[in-house]
Amino acid sequence: MTLKGHTEAVRELALSRDGRTLASGDDDGFVRLWDARTGSAGALLPAGGKVLALAFSHDGRELAAAVRGGSILVWDPSRPVAPPRRLDDRARDVLALVFTPDGRLISGGVDKAVHVWDVEGGRSILALQGHGATVTGLALARDGGRLASSSGDHTVKLWDAPRVEDPVPDQPAASAQ
């Protein structure tokens, strides 16, 4: 099955955990939702810039897109006409996204840090420092207990990932080594 509908190069994909919904992001600033079983095109979500990364939450109720310029947008895929939430975009371009099982979003990008986001609050609550170059990839263990990040500095770092029982600080992002 071939899915057609984008007008520019498709660079990013995310498949919901249940395998029913595929999201694809393109250079023209759109995220398209697809029915992964039938190939039918669904909603077209305007991202406002080149889509650099995509991720579905574990329960499929949220879809995050990192957009050139530092914005991270979060949609409810079941309500595609609702405007997305915009996370605080102090971070520069984000190249990797992954959701934790408890609903936090983790990002990595050109600022050389791995950020943990409170999606509801719209802000970074923790910044893991240690890479010497752009963070290029993220992988999270199924249980959310271990996080791996890769970087242009030729390293992969393993981190103990934040858990739901960890308190969410009320102050701006804290750093951890």
C-alpha atoms as a PDB file:
ATOM      1  CA  MET A   1       0.000   0.000   0.000  1.00  0.00           C
ATOM      2  CA  THR A   2       1.334   3.445  -0.921  1.00  0.00           C
ATOM      3  CA  LEU A   3       0.101   6.523   0.921  1.00  0.00           C
ATOM      4  CA  LYS A   4       0.011   9.700  -1.143  1.00  0.00           C
ATOM      5  CA  GLY A   5      -1.011  13.224  -0.242  1.00  0.00           C
ATOM      6  CA  HIS A   6       2.022  15.210   0.856  1.00  0.00           C
ATOM      7  CA  THR A   7       3.292  17.910  -1.481  1.00  0.00           C
ATOM      8  CA  GLU A   8       6.854  18.026  -0.086  1.00  0.00           C
ATOM      9  CA  ALA A   9       9.374  15.453   1.148  1.00  0.00           C
ATOM     10  CA  VAL A  10       8.121  13.307   4.025  1.00  0.00           C
ATOM     11  CA  ARG A  11      10.835  13.176   6.691  1.00  0.00           C
ATOM     12  CA  GLU A  12       9.179  11.936   9.878  1.00  0.00           C
ATOM     13  CA  LEU A  13       6.811   9.126  10.827  1.00  0.00           C
ATOM     14  CA  ALA A  14       5.133   7.953  14.027  1.00  0.00           C
ATOM     15  CA  LEU A  15       2.859   4.956  14.434  1.00  0.00           C
ATOM     16  CA  SER A  16       0.436   4.771  17.343  1.00  0.00           C
ATOM     17  CA  ARG A  17       1.055   1.880  19.743  1.00  0.00           C
ATOM     18  CA  ASP A  18      -2.172   0.193  18.677  1.00  0.00           C
ATOM     19  CA  GLY A  19      -1.014   0.358  15.045  1.00  0.00           C
ATOM     20  CA  ARG A  20      -4.187   2.096  13.870  1.00  0.00           C
ATOM     21  CA  THR A  21      -2.930   5.612  13.189  1.00  0.00           C
ATOM     22  CA  LEU A  22       0.138   6.721  11.268  1.00  0.00           C
ATOM     23  CA  ALA A  23       1.359  10.320  11.416  1.00  0.00           C
ATOM     24  CA  SER A  24       3.666  11.649   8.715  1.00  0.00           C
ATOM     25  CA  GLY A  25       5.410  15.027   8.732  1.00  0.00           C
ATOM     26  CA  ASP A  26       6.771  16.920   5.777  1.00  0.00           C
ATOM     27  CA  ASP A  27       9.058  19.772   4.784  1.00  0.00           C
ATOM     28  CA  ASP A  28       6.060  21.960   3.901  1.00  0.00           C
ATOM     29  CA  GLY A  29       4.946  22.196   7.541  1.00  0.00           C
ATOM     30  CA  PHE A  30       2.131  19.683   7.731  1.00  0.00           C
ATOM     31  CA  VAL A  31       1.418  16.518   9.690  1.00  0.00           C
ATOM     32  CA  ARG A  32      -0.979  14.122   8.001  1.00  0.00           C
ATOM     33  CA  LEU A  33      -2.881  11.442   9.913  1.00  0.00           C
ATOM     34  CA  TRP A  34      -3.605   8.147   8.155  1.00  0.00           C
ATOM     35  CA  ASP A  35      -5.660   5.079   8.935  1.00  0.00           C
ATOM     36  CA  ALA A  36      -2.798   2.582   8.999  1.00  0.00           C
ATOM     37  CA  ARG A  37      -5.102  -0.369   8.284  1.00  0.00           C
ATOM     38  CA  THR A  38      -6.770   1.015   5.152  1.00  0.00           C
ATOM     39  CA  GLY A  39      -4.343   3.731   4.011  1.00  0.00           C
ATOM     40  CA  SER A  40      -7.115   6.331   4.048  1.00  0.00           C
ATOM     41  CA  ALA A  41      -5.935   9.899   4.524  1.00  0.00           C
ATOM     42  CA  GLY A  42      -7.230  11.578   7.642  1.00  0.00           C
ATOM     43  CA  ALA A  43      -6.713  15.033   9.088  1.00  0.00           C
ATOM     44  CA  LEU A  44      -4.078  17.446   7.820  1.00  0.00           C
ATOM     45  CA  LEU A  45      -2.534  19.280  10.782  1.00  0.00           C
ATOM     46  CA  PRO A  46      -0.740  22.581  10.100  1.00  0.00           C
ATOM     47  CA  ALA A  47       2.578  22.629  11.972  1.00  0.00           C
ATOM     48  CA  GLY A  48       3.816  25.971  10.662  1.00  0.00           C
ATOM     49  CA  GLY A  49       7.272  24.792   9.645  1.00  0.00           C
ATOM     50  CA  LYS A  50       9.393  21.821   8.617  1.00  0.00           C
ATOM     51  CA  VAL A  51       8.507  18.835  10.813  1.00  0.00           C
ATOM     52  CA  LEU A  52      11.674  17.525  12.492  1.00  0.00           C
ATOM     53  CA  ALA A  53      10.280  14.823  14.834  1.00  0.00           C
ATOM     54  CA  LEU A  54       6.990  13.086  15.698  1.00  0.00           C
ATOM     55  CA  ALA A  55       5.819  10.912  18.614  1.00  0.00           C
ATOM     56  CA  PHE A  56       2.543   9.443  19.848  1.00  0.00           C
ATOM     57  CA  SER A  57       1.852   9.117  23.561  1.00  0.00           C
ATOM     58  CA  HIS A  58       1.521   5.563  24.890  1.00  0.00           C
ATOM     59  CA  ASP A  59      -2.284   5.823  25.080  1.00  0.00           C
ATOM     60  CA  GLY A  60      -2.506   7.459  21.634  1.00  0.00           C
ATOM     61  CA  ARG A  61      -4.313  10.508  23.015  1.00  0.00           C
ATOM     62  CA  GLU A  62      -1.504  12.904  22.142  1.00  0.00           C
ATOM     63  CA  LEU A  63       0.687  13.465  19.108  1.00  0.00           C
ATOM     64  CA  ALA A  64       3.751  15.693  19.450  1.00  0.00           C
ATOM     65  CA  ALA A  65       5.546  17.349  16.540  1.00  0.00           C
ATOM     66  CA  ALA A  66       8.821  19.242  16.714  1.00  0.00           C
ATOM     67  CA  VAL A  67       8.949  22.043  14.182  1.00  0.00           C
ATOM     68  CA  ARG A  68      11.944  23.956  12.770  1.00  0.00           C
ATOM     69  CA  GLY A  69      12.572  26.980  14.968  1.00  0.00           C
ATOM     70  CA  GLY A  70      12.110  25.232  18.311  1.00  0.00           C
ATOM     71  CA  SER A  71       8.363  24.805  18.638  1.00  0.00           C
ATOM     72  CA  ILE A  72       6.855  21.598  19.955  1.00  0.00           C
ATOM     73  CA  LEU A  73       3.154  21.205  19.185  1.00  0.00           C
ATOM     74  CA  VAL A  74       0.877  18.655  20.861  1.00  0.00           C
ATOM     75  CA  TRP A  75      -2.460  17.628  19.327  1.00  0.00           C
ATOM     76  CA  ASP A  76      -5.247  15.336  20.428  1.00  0.00           C
ATOM     77  CA  PRO A  77      -5.506  13.165  17.284  1.00  0.00           C
ATOM     78  CA  SER A  78      -9.181  12.480  18.011  1.00  0.00           C
ATOM     79  CA  ARG A  79      -9.847  16.246  17.798  1.00  0.00           C
ATOM     80  CA  PRO A  80      -7.669  17.361  14.866  1.00  0.00           C
ATOM     81  CA  VAL A  81      -9.538  20.645  14.333  1.00  0.00           C
ATOM     82  CA  ALA A  82      -8.710  21.819  17.866  1.00  0.00           C
ATOM     83  CA  PRO A  83      -5.609  24.026  17.990  1.00  0.00           C
ATOM     84  CA  PRO A  84      -2.498  22.269  19.309  1.00  0.00           C
ATOM     85  CA  ARG A  85      -0.884  23.098  22.625  1.00  0.00           C
ATOM     86  CA  ARG A  86       2.457  24.809  22.150  1.00  0.00           C
ATOM     87  CA  LEU A  87       5.175  23.861  24.607  1.00  0.00           C
ATOM     88  CA  ASP A  88       7.510  26.591  25.839  1.00  0.00           C
ATOM     89  CA  ASP A  89       9.899  26.911  22.915  1.00  0.00           C
ATOM     90  CA  ARG A  90      13.043  28.088  24.693  1.00  0.00           C
ATOM     91  CA  ALA A  91      14.754  25.001  23.301  1.00  0.00           C
ATOM     92  CA  ARG A  92      16.248  25.288  19.838  1.00  0.00           C
ATOM     93  CA  ASP A  93      15.431  22.831  17.047  1.00  0.00           C
ATOM     94  CA  VAL A  94      14.307  19.488  18.449  1.00  0.00           C
ATOM     95  CA  LEU A  95      15.321  16.419  16.428  1.00  0.00           C
ATOM     96  CA  ALA A  96      13.984  13.583  18.610  1.00  0.00           C
ATOM     97  CA  LEU A  97      10.841  13.025  20.673  1.00  0.00           C
ATOM     98  CA  VAL A  98       9.527  10.181  22.824  1.00  0.00           C
ATOM     99  CA  PHE A  99       6.689   9.976  25.356  1.00  0.00           C
ATOM    100  CA  THR A 100       7.100   8.259  28.727  1.00  0.00           C
ATOM    101  CA  PRO A 101       4.433   5.779  29.875  1.00  0.00           C
ATOM    102  CA  ASP A 102       3.218   8.375  32.413  1.00  0.00           C
ATOM    103  CA  GLY A 103       2.624  11.009  29.715  1.00  0.00           C
ATOM    104  CA  ARG A 104       5.698  13.181  29.956  1.00  0.00           C
ATOM    105  CA  LEU A 105       7.450  14.112  26.726  1.00  0.00           C
ATOM    106  CA  ILE A 106      11.199  13.828  26.272  1.00  0.00           C
ATOM    107  CA  SER A 107      13.012  15.812  23.585  1.00  0.00           C
ATOM    108  CA  GLY A 108      16.550  16.184  22.318  1.00  0.00           C
ATOM    109  CA  GLY A 109      18.052  18.569  19.816  1.00  0.00           C
ATOM    110  CA  VAL A 110      20.588  21.186  18.900  1.00  0.00           C
ATOM    111  CA  ASP A 111      20.895  22.629  22.429  1.00  0.00           C
ATOM    112  CA  LYS A 112      22.821  19.416  23.354  1.00  0.00           C
ATOM    113  CA  ALA A 113      20.382  18.601  26.187  1.00  0.00           C
ATOM    114  CA  VAL A 114      17.646  16.059  26.799  1.00  0.00           C
ATOM    115  CA  HIS A 115      14.536  17.822  28.106  1.00  0.00           C
ATOM    116  CA  VAL A 116      11.701  16.258  30.082  1.00  0.00           C
ATOM    117  CA  TRP A 117       8.433  18.141  29.539  1.00  0.00           C
ATOM    118  CA  ASP A 118       5.309  18.563  31.610  1.00  0.00           C
ATOM    119  CA  VAL A 119       2.936  18.513  28.637  1.00  0.00           C
ATOM    120  CA  GLU A 120      -0.058  19.855  30.572  1.00  0.00           C
ATOM    121  CA  GLY A 121       2.003  22.708  32.018  1.00  0.00           C
ATOM    122  CA  GLY A 122       3.724  23.333  28.691  1.00  0.00           C
ATOM    123  CA  ARG A 123       7.247  23.611  30.065  1.00  0.00           C
ATOM    124  CA  SER A 124      10.517  21.767  30.439  1.00  0.00           C
ATOM    125  CA  ILE A 125      10.841  20.444  33.996  1.00  0.00           C
ATOM    126  CA  LEU A 126      14.253  18.819  33.732  1.00  0.00           C
ATOM    127  CA  ALA A 127      17.257  19.176  31.432  1.00  0.00           C
ATOM    128  CA  LEU A 128      19.766  16.338  31.289  1.00  0.00           C
ATOM    129  CA  GLN A 129      23.156  17.747  30.279  1.00  0.00           C
ATOM    130  CA  GLY A 130      26.223  15.871  29.124  1.00  0.00           C
ATOM    131  CA  HIS A 131      26.350  15.673  25.342  1.00  0.00           C
ATOM    132  CA  GLY A 132      28.917  17.780  23.517  1.00  0.00           C
ATOM    133  CA  ALA A 133      26.872  18.132  20.320  1.00  0.00           C
ATOM    134  CA  THR A 134      23.322  17.927  18.979  1.00  0.00           C
ATOM    135  CA  VAL A 135      21.138  15.164  20.424  1.00  0.00           C
ATOM    136  CA  THR A 136      20.096  13.149  17.384  1.00  0.00           C
ATOM    137  CA  GLY A 137      18.037  10.275  18.786  1.00  0.00           C
ATOM    138  CA  LEU A 138      16.124   8.999  21.798  1.00  0.00           C
ATOM    139  CA  ALA A 139      14.976   5.534  22.837  1.00  0.00           C
ATOM    140  CA  LEU A 140      13.002   4.652  25.957  1.00  0.00           C
ATOM    141  CA  ALA A 141      12.600   1.255  27.581  1.00  0.00           C
ATOM    142  CA  ARG A 142       9.042  -0.078  27.410  1.00  0.00           C
ATOM    143  CA  ASP A 143       8.611   0.396  31.177  1.00  0.00           C
ATOM    144  CA  GLY A 144      10.033   3.925  30.958  1.00  0.00           C
ATOM    145  CA  GLY A 145      12.878   3.146  33.353  1.00  0.00           C
ATOM    146  CA  ARG A 146      15.856   3.689  31.045  1.00  0.00           C
ATOM    147  CA  LEU A 147      16.447   6.336  28.432  1.00  0.00           C
ATOM    148  CA  ALA A 148      19.126   6.319  25.744  1.00  0.00           C
ATOM    149  CA  SER A 149      20.216   9.412  23.841  1.00  0.00           C
ATOM    150  CA  SER A 150      22.557   9.616  20.868  1.00  0.00           C
ATOM    151  CA  SER A 151      24.552  12.628  19.776  1.00  0.00           C
ATOM    152  CA  GLY A 152      26.691  14.130  17.063  1.00  0.00           C
ATOM    153  CA  ASP A 153      29.531  13.926  19.616  1.00  0.00           C
ATOM    154  CA  HIS A 154      29.804  10.182  18.728  1.00  0.00           C
ATOM    155  CA  THR A 155      28.311   9.045  22.039  1.00  0.00           C
ATOM    156  CA  VAL A 156      25.267   7.269  23.364  1.00  0.00           C
ATOM    157  CA  LYS A 157      24.262   8.052  26.931  1.00  0.00           C
ATOM    158  CA  LEU A 158      22.092   5.925  29.181  1.00  0.00           C
ATOM    159  CA  TRP A 159      19.965   7.698  31.789  1.00  0.00           C
ATOM    160  CA  ASP A 160      17.617   6.642  34.562  1.00  0.00           C
ATOM    161  CA  ALA A 161      14.383   8.078  33.173  1.00  0.00           C
ATOM    162  CA  PRO A 162      12.086  10.145  35.423  1.00  0.00           C
ATOM    163  CA  ARG A 163       9.135   8.187  36.836  1.00  0.00           C
ATOM    164  CA  VAL A 164       5.580   9.299  37.602  1.00  0.00           C
ATOM    165  CA  GLU A 165       6.321   9.274  41.336  1.00  0.00           C
ATOM    166  CA  ASP A 166       9.140  11.794  40.871  1.00  0.00           C
ATOM    167  CA  PRO A 167       7.963  15.245  41.917  1.00  0.00           C
ATOM    168  CA  VAL A 168       7.496  17.832  39.204  1.00  0.00           C
ATOM    169  CA  PRO A 169       9.425  20.937  40.302  1.00  0.00           C
ATOM    170  CA  ASP A 170       7.625  24.285  40.361  1.00  0.00           C
ATOM    171  CA  GLN A 171      10.716  26.194  39.265  1.00  0.00           C
ATOM    172  CA  PRO A 172      12.318  26.387  35.790  1.00  0.00           C
ATOM    173  CA  ALA A 173      14.275  23.460  34.404  1.00  0.00           C
ATOM    174  CA  ALA A 174      16.823  21.890  36.720  1.00  0.00           C
ATOM    175  CA  SER A 175      19.951  20.208  35.411  1.00  0.00           C
ATOM    176  CA  ALA A 176      21.129  16.679  36.116  1.00  0.00           C
ATOM    177  CA  GLN A 177      24.352  15.000  35.087  1.00  0.00           C
END
